[in-house]
Protein backbone atom coordinates (compact mmCIF):
# COMPACT_ATOMS: atom_id res chain seq x y z
CA MET A 1 -108.77 15.19 -0.23
CA GLY A 2 -108.63 12.21 1.85
CA THR A 3 -106.55 11.03 -1.39
CA THR A 4 -104.41 14.43 -1.25
CA MET A 5 -103.55 14.13 2.46
CA ASN A 6 -102.62 10.66 1.88
CA THR A 7 -100.45 11.84 -1.28
CA MET A 8 -98.81 14.52 1.50
CA SER A 9 -97.79 12.10 3.98
CA GLU A 10 -96.31 9.68 1.38
CA GLU A 11 -94.00 12.52 -0.08
CA GLY A 12 -93.53 13.84 3.54
CA THR A 13 -92.22 10.11 4.34
CA HIS A 14 -90.62 10.06 1.38
CA GLY A 15 -88.95 13.03 1.97
CA GLU A 16 -87.81 12.33 5.47
CA GLU A 17 -86.61 8.97 4.48
CA THR A 18 -84.09 10.86 1.70
CA GLN A 19 -82.97 13.12 4.17
CA HIS A 20 -82.32 10.12 6.47
CA ASP A 21 -80.25 8.58 4.20
CA ALA A 22 -78.44 11.49 2.82
CA LEU A 23 -77.25 12.32 6.83
CA GLN A 24 -76.45 8.69 7.27
CA PHE A 25 -74.29 8.73 4.34
CA ASP A 26 -72.42 11.64 5.29
CA ARG A 27 -71.07 10.17 8.53
CA ALA A 28 -70.56 7.24 6.85
CA VAL A 29 -68.15 8.91 5.02
CA ALA A 30 -66.65 11.28 7.23
CA ALA A 31 -66.06 7.65 9.46
CA ALA A 32 -64.29 6.04 6.47
CA GLY A 33 -62.39 9.18 5.85
CA ALA A 34 -60.81 9.28 9.70
CA ALA A 35 -59.81 5.99 9.63
CA PRO A 36 -57.03 5.78 7.31
CA ALA A 37 -55.67 9.03 8.90
CA ALA A 38 -55.23 7.34 12.26
CA SER A 39 -53.69 4.30 10.77
CA THR A 40 -51.51 5.65 8.68
CA ALA A 41 -49.50 7.80 11.43
CA ALA A 42 -46.20 5.53 12.16
CA PRO A 43 -43.11 6.78 14.49
CA THR A 44 -40.05 8.07 11.73
CA GLU A 45 -36.74 5.65 12.33
CA LYS A 46 -33.43 7.06 13.30
CA PRO A 47 -31.19 7.50 10.38
CA THR A 48 -27.92 5.39 10.80
CA VAL A 49 -24.56 4.99 8.45
CA ALA A 50 -23.00 1.55 8.61
CA CYS A 51 -19.59 1.82 9.49
CA ALA A 52 -17.07 0.92 6.24
CA ALA A 53 -14.72 -1.34 8.29
CA CYS A 54 -16.41 -2.59 11.35
CA ARG A 55 -20.02 -2.66 9.33
CA ALA A 56 -21.39 -1.48 13.04
CA ALA A 57 -24.20 1.32 12.48
CA ILE A 58 -23.55 4.48 13.55
CA ASP A 59 -26.46 6.44 14.87
CA THR A 60 -24.45 9.69 16.27
CA GLU A 61 -21.60 10.96 13.86
CA TYR A 62 -19.17 9.62 11.72
CA PHE A 63 -15.31 9.97 9.81
CA ASP A 64 -14.41 10.30 6.29
CA VAL A 65 -11.33 8.39 5.88
CA ASN A 66 -10.34 8.46 1.95
CA GLY A 67 -13.95 8.70 1.16
CA LYS A 68 -14.99 5.57 3.09
CA ALA A 69 -17.85 6.35 6.12
CA VAL A 70 -16.24 4.94 10.07
CA CYS A 71 -16.52 4.71 13.28
CA ARG A 72 -14.89 7.20 15.85
CA ARG A 73 -12.98 3.79 17.16
CA CYS A 74 -12.23 2.34 13.72
CA ARG A 75 -10.64 6.04 12.49
CA SER A 76 -8.21 5.81 15.58
CA LEU A 77 -7.02 2.57 14.29
CA VAL A 78 -6.60 3.57 11.20
CA GLU A 79 -4.21 6.43 11.95
CA SER A 80 -2.36 4.13 14.56
CA ALA A 81 -1.58 1.70 11.58
CA ALA A 82 -0.45 4.42 9.42
CA GLU A 83 1.97 5.79 11.99
CA THR A 84 6.02 5.11 10.79
CA PRO A 85 7.21 2.30 13.32
CA ARG A 86 9.51 4.45 16.06
CA GLY A 87 12.52 2.87 17.77
CA MET A 88 15.29 0.87 16.48
CA VAL A 89 13.99 -2.91 16.65
CA PRO A 90 11.45 -1.95 13.40
CA LEU A 91 14.19 -0.76 11.64
CA PHE A 92 16.37 -3.99 12.52
CA THR A 93 14.03 -5.92 11.48
CA ALA A 94 13.14 -4.69 8.33
CA ALA A 95 16.88 -4.65 7.48
CA ALA A 96 17.24 -8.32 8.25
CA TYR A 97 13.60 -9.20 5.92
CA GLY A 98 14.74 -6.59 3.07
CA LEU A 99 18.95 -7.94 3.59
CA GLY A 100 17.56 -11.61 2.98
CA ALA A 101 15.44 -10.77 0.09
CA GLY A 102 17.93 -8.77 -1.45
CA ILE A 103 21.02 -11.96 -1.62
CA ALA A 104 17.88 -14.11 -2.91
CA GLY A 105 17.41 -11.47 -5.50
CA ALA A 106 21.01 -11.24 -6.28
CA ILE A 107 21.61 -15.02 -6.68
CA VAL A 108 18.65 -15.01 -9.26
CA TYR A 109 20.35 -11.82 -11.16
CA TYR A 110 23.78 -13.86 -11.35
CA ALA A 111 21.76 -17.13 -12.39
CA VAL A 112 20.34 -15.20 -15.51
CA ILE A 113 23.63 -13.35 -16.42
CA ALA A 114 25.36 -16.62 -15.81
CA ILE A 115 23.33 -19.59 -16.88
CA ALA A 116 21.53 -17.48 -20.09
CA ASN A 117 24.54 -15.27 -20.67
CA LEU A 118 22.39 -12.31 -21.04
CA GLU A 119 22.00 -9.25 -18.62
CA ILE A 120 18.30 -9.22 -18.33
CA GLY A 121 17.70 -5.99 -16.70
CA ILE A 122 14.34 -6.22 -15.94
CA VAL A 123 14.91 -8.58 -12.77
CA ALA A 124 16.29 -5.56 -11.46
CA ILE A 125 12.15 -4.78 -10.90
CA LEU A 126 11.84 -8.11 -8.89
CA ILE A 127 14.45 -7.32 -6.87
CA GLY A 128 12.56 -3.84 -5.94
CA TYR A 129 9.54 -5.58 -5.29
CA MET A 130 11.12 -8.87 -3.15
CA VAL A 131 12.93 -5.91 -1.32
CA GLY A 132 9.84 -3.70 -0.83
CA TYR A 133 7.67 -6.12 0.07
CA ALA A 134 10.30 -8.15 2.40
CA VAL A 135 11.15 -4.54 4.46
CA ARG A 136 7.26 -3.64 4.89
CA LYS A 137 6.58 -6.92 6.02
CA GLY A 138 9.37 -6.71 8.08
CA ALA A 139 7.96 -3.01 9.41
CA GLY A 140 4.86 -4.89 10.48
CA GLY A 141 3.13 -3.96 7.04
CA ARG A 142 3.97 -0.11 8.04
CA GLY A 143 5.97 2.45 6.10
CA GLY A 144 7.64 5.46 5.97
CA LEU A 145 10.74 7.84 4.95
CA ARG A 146 13.46 5.62 6.76
CA PHE A 147 11.96 2.23 5.44
CA GLN A 148 11.79 3.73 1.59
CA VAL A 149 15.50 4.76 2.17
CA LEU A 150 16.49 0.89 3.36
CA ALA A 151 14.67 -0.52 0.90
CA VAL A 152 16.20 1.77 -1.84
CA CYS A 153 19.69 0.89 -0.60
CA LEU A 154 18.95 -2.68 -0.55
CA THR A 155 17.76 -2.76 -3.92
CA TYR A 156 20.60 -1.13 -5.23
CA GLY A 157 22.80 -3.71 -3.27
CA SER A 158 21.43 -6.36 -4.26
CA ILE A 159 22.14 -5.53 -7.87
CA ALA A 160 25.68 -4.74 -7.21
CA LEU A 161 26.00 -8.58 -5.71
CA ALA A 162 24.59 -9.60 -8.48
CA TYR A 163 27.28 -8.53 -10.98
CA THR A 164 30.18 -8.97 -7.96
CA PRO A 165 31.34 -12.50 -9.11
CA LEU A 166 31.58 -11.78 -12.53
CA ALA A 167 33.61 -8.52 -11.70
CA ILE A 168 35.88 -11.08 -9.54
CA LYS A 169 36.38 -13.81 -12.36
CA GLY A 170 37.21 -11.25 -14.74
CA ALA A 171 39.85 -9.92 -12.14
CA THR A 172 41.03 -13.18 -11.42
CA ALA A 173 41.83 -13.95 -15.04
CA ALA A 174 43.45 -10.44 -15.83
CA ARG A 175 45.33 -11.29 -12.99
CA SER A 176 46.63 -14.94 -14.06
CA ALA A 177 47.00 -13.79 -17.26
CA LYS A 178 49.68 -10.76 -16.22
CA SER A 179 51.50 -13.51 -14.15
CA ALA A 180 51.94 -15.92 -16.67
CA SER A 181 53.16 -12.85 -18.99
CA GLY A 182 55.71 -12.02 -16.37
CA THR A 183 59.75 -13.25 -15.61
CA THR A 184 60.08 -15.88 -13.00
CA ALA A 185 62.37 -14.60 -10.25
CA ASN A 186 64.44 -16.72 -7.84
CA ALA A 187 63.50 -18.46 -5.05
CA ALA A 188 65.20 -15.77 -2.61
CA GLY A 189 63.09 -12.63 -4.23
CA ASN A 190 59.97 -14.69 -4.13
CA ALA A 191 60.16 -15.16 -0.31
CA ASP A 192 60.88 -11.53 0.19
CA GLU A 193 57.90 -10.72 -2.03
CA ASP A 194 56.20 -13.25 -0.08
CA THR A 195 56.84 -11.67 3.66
CA ARG A 196 56.36 -8.25 1.90
CA ALA A 197 52.88 -9.08 0.71
CA ARG A 198 51.34 -9.85 4.04
CA PRO A 199 48.56 -8.22 4.98
CA ASP A 200 48.24 -6.64 8.17
CA SER A 201 45.12 -6.34 10.20
CA ARG A 202 45.28 -2.43 8.84
CA GLY A 203 45.82 -3.68 5.37
CA PHE A 204 42.91 -6.10 5.61
CA ALA A 205 40.48 -3.72 6.68
CA LEU A 206 41.55 -1.49 3.84
CA GLY A 207 41.28 -3.86 1.72
CA LEU A 208 37.68 -4.58 3.04
CA VAL A 209 36.96 -0.67 2.01
CA VAL A 210 38.21 -0.74 -1.51
CA LEU A 211 36.23 -3.87 -2.08
CA ALA A 212 32.94 -2.83 -0.81
CA GLY A 213 33.10 0.58 -2.71
CA PHE A 214 34.35 -1.71 -5.90
CA VAL A 215 30.92 -3.26 -5.38
CA ALA A 216 28.74 -0.49 -4.80
CA ALA A 217 30.49 0.92 -8.46
CA LEU A 218 29.56 -2.12 -9.78
CA PRO A 219 26.44 -1.24 -11.48
CA ILE A 220 27.63 2.59 -12.18
CA LEU A 221 31.02 0.80 -14.06
CA VAL A 222 28.52 -1.42 -16.11
CA ILE A 223 26.28 1.33 -17.06
CA VAL A 224 29.18 3.52 -18.28
CA GLY A 225 30.96 0.90 -20.12
CA SER A 226 27.91 -0.47 -22.18
CA LEU A 227 26.88 2.86 -23.40
CA PRO A 228 24.56 3.96 -25.17
CA SER A 229 22.84 0.56 -24.28
CA GLY A 230 23.73 1.44 -20.82
CA LEU A 231 21.40 3.71 -20.47
CA ILE A 232 18.52 1.47 -20.43
CA SER A 233 19.80 -0.73 -18.11
CA ALA A 234 20.02 2.85 -16.03
CA LEU A 235 16.37 2.98 -16.79
CA ILE A 236 15.27 -0.35 -15.28
CA ILE A 237 17.71 -0.57 -12.08
CA PHE A 238 16.07 3.38 -11.48
CA ILE A 239 12.22 1.37 -12.15
CA GLY A 240 13.60 -1.18 -9.80
CA MET A 241 14.46 1.39 -7.05
CA ARG A 242 11.48 3.23 -7.51
CA GLN A 243 9.25 0.24 -6.93
CA ALA A 244 11.14 -0.41 -3.70
CA TRP A 245 10.43 3.11 -2.81
CA ARG A 246 6.71 3.19 -3.29
CA MET A 247 6.10 -0.16 -1.42
CA THR A 248 7.62 1.17 1.39
CA GLY A 249 6.09 4.48 1.96
CA ALA A 250 3.72 5.09 4.67
CA PRO A 251 -0.12 4.94 3.78
CA SER A 252 -2.06 8.42 2.58
CA LEU A 253 -4.87 9.24 4.58
CA LEU A 254 -7.31 12.45 4.51
CA ILE A 255 -9.50 12.12 7.33
CA LEU A 256 -12.65 14.78 6.98
CA GLY A 257 -15.21 15.31 9.80
CA PRO A 258 -17.02 14.71 12.35
CA TYR A 259 -20.46 14.60 10.72
CA ARG A 260 -23.58 14.28 12.32
CA VAL A 261 -25.69 11.46 10.85
CA GLY A 262 -28.18 12.65 8.96
CA ALA A 263 -27.22 16.06 8.54
CA ALA A 264 -25.46 17.84 5.30
CA ALA A 265 -21.99 17.01 4.99
CA THR A 266 -19.87 20.00 5.27
CA PRO A 267 -15.76 18.95 4.42
CA ARG A 268 -13.57 19.86 7.06
CA PRO A 269 -10.23 18.03 8.06
CA ALA A 270 -10.56 16.10 11.32
């Protein structure tokens, strides 16, 4: 009987210890599981977008300019830089720069023709590039329709100017040959001719106009006079003028927005 009670007492004591250990294990697991839940809570960071121009962080709204995200300030700067300069001063400055480049290009073109005795039409493309670059630089790095027209005219004029010495040389030679083949007049007759040949101011001005028209027509005369190979020269001159036109055009801008940072972008014009 005593043995039985001792056994029951031991069993009861053993059962209480087992139950006590199980309860402590349950509490330990619960405590261990609660700690990570509290430690993983962290504040959410606000999304930002970097401006493609100034690299500043944007956390409110941005604009899409030709596929690049920019801030409001840089969008205004890009728009102002793309505007065609107004007033006559930028136009005169661009004309002066372009005229200098055109004269330099004409000298190069004439030198190639005179020294190599070849008409290398590809030089016309070089002239178009030189004039276009100079006009755009004179316009402060901007462009527009009036600068494009200016650049094309200067390119054509530069090409015509390159042919002018050759035309004058040919005309002088033809006149000398005609004078040599004519009869010699008496001294009185020559004096009368010299008197009649003296140009007045109106005749001089008219002569300048005729000379300018002749110079302007030189590229066309050269093209027509060398057909069918002249068609290649016409194409090259056109490419040179097109190069000047493209280099002096206003930048093309596509501005969309504004967009909220972190929101889905729905394309719409600014």
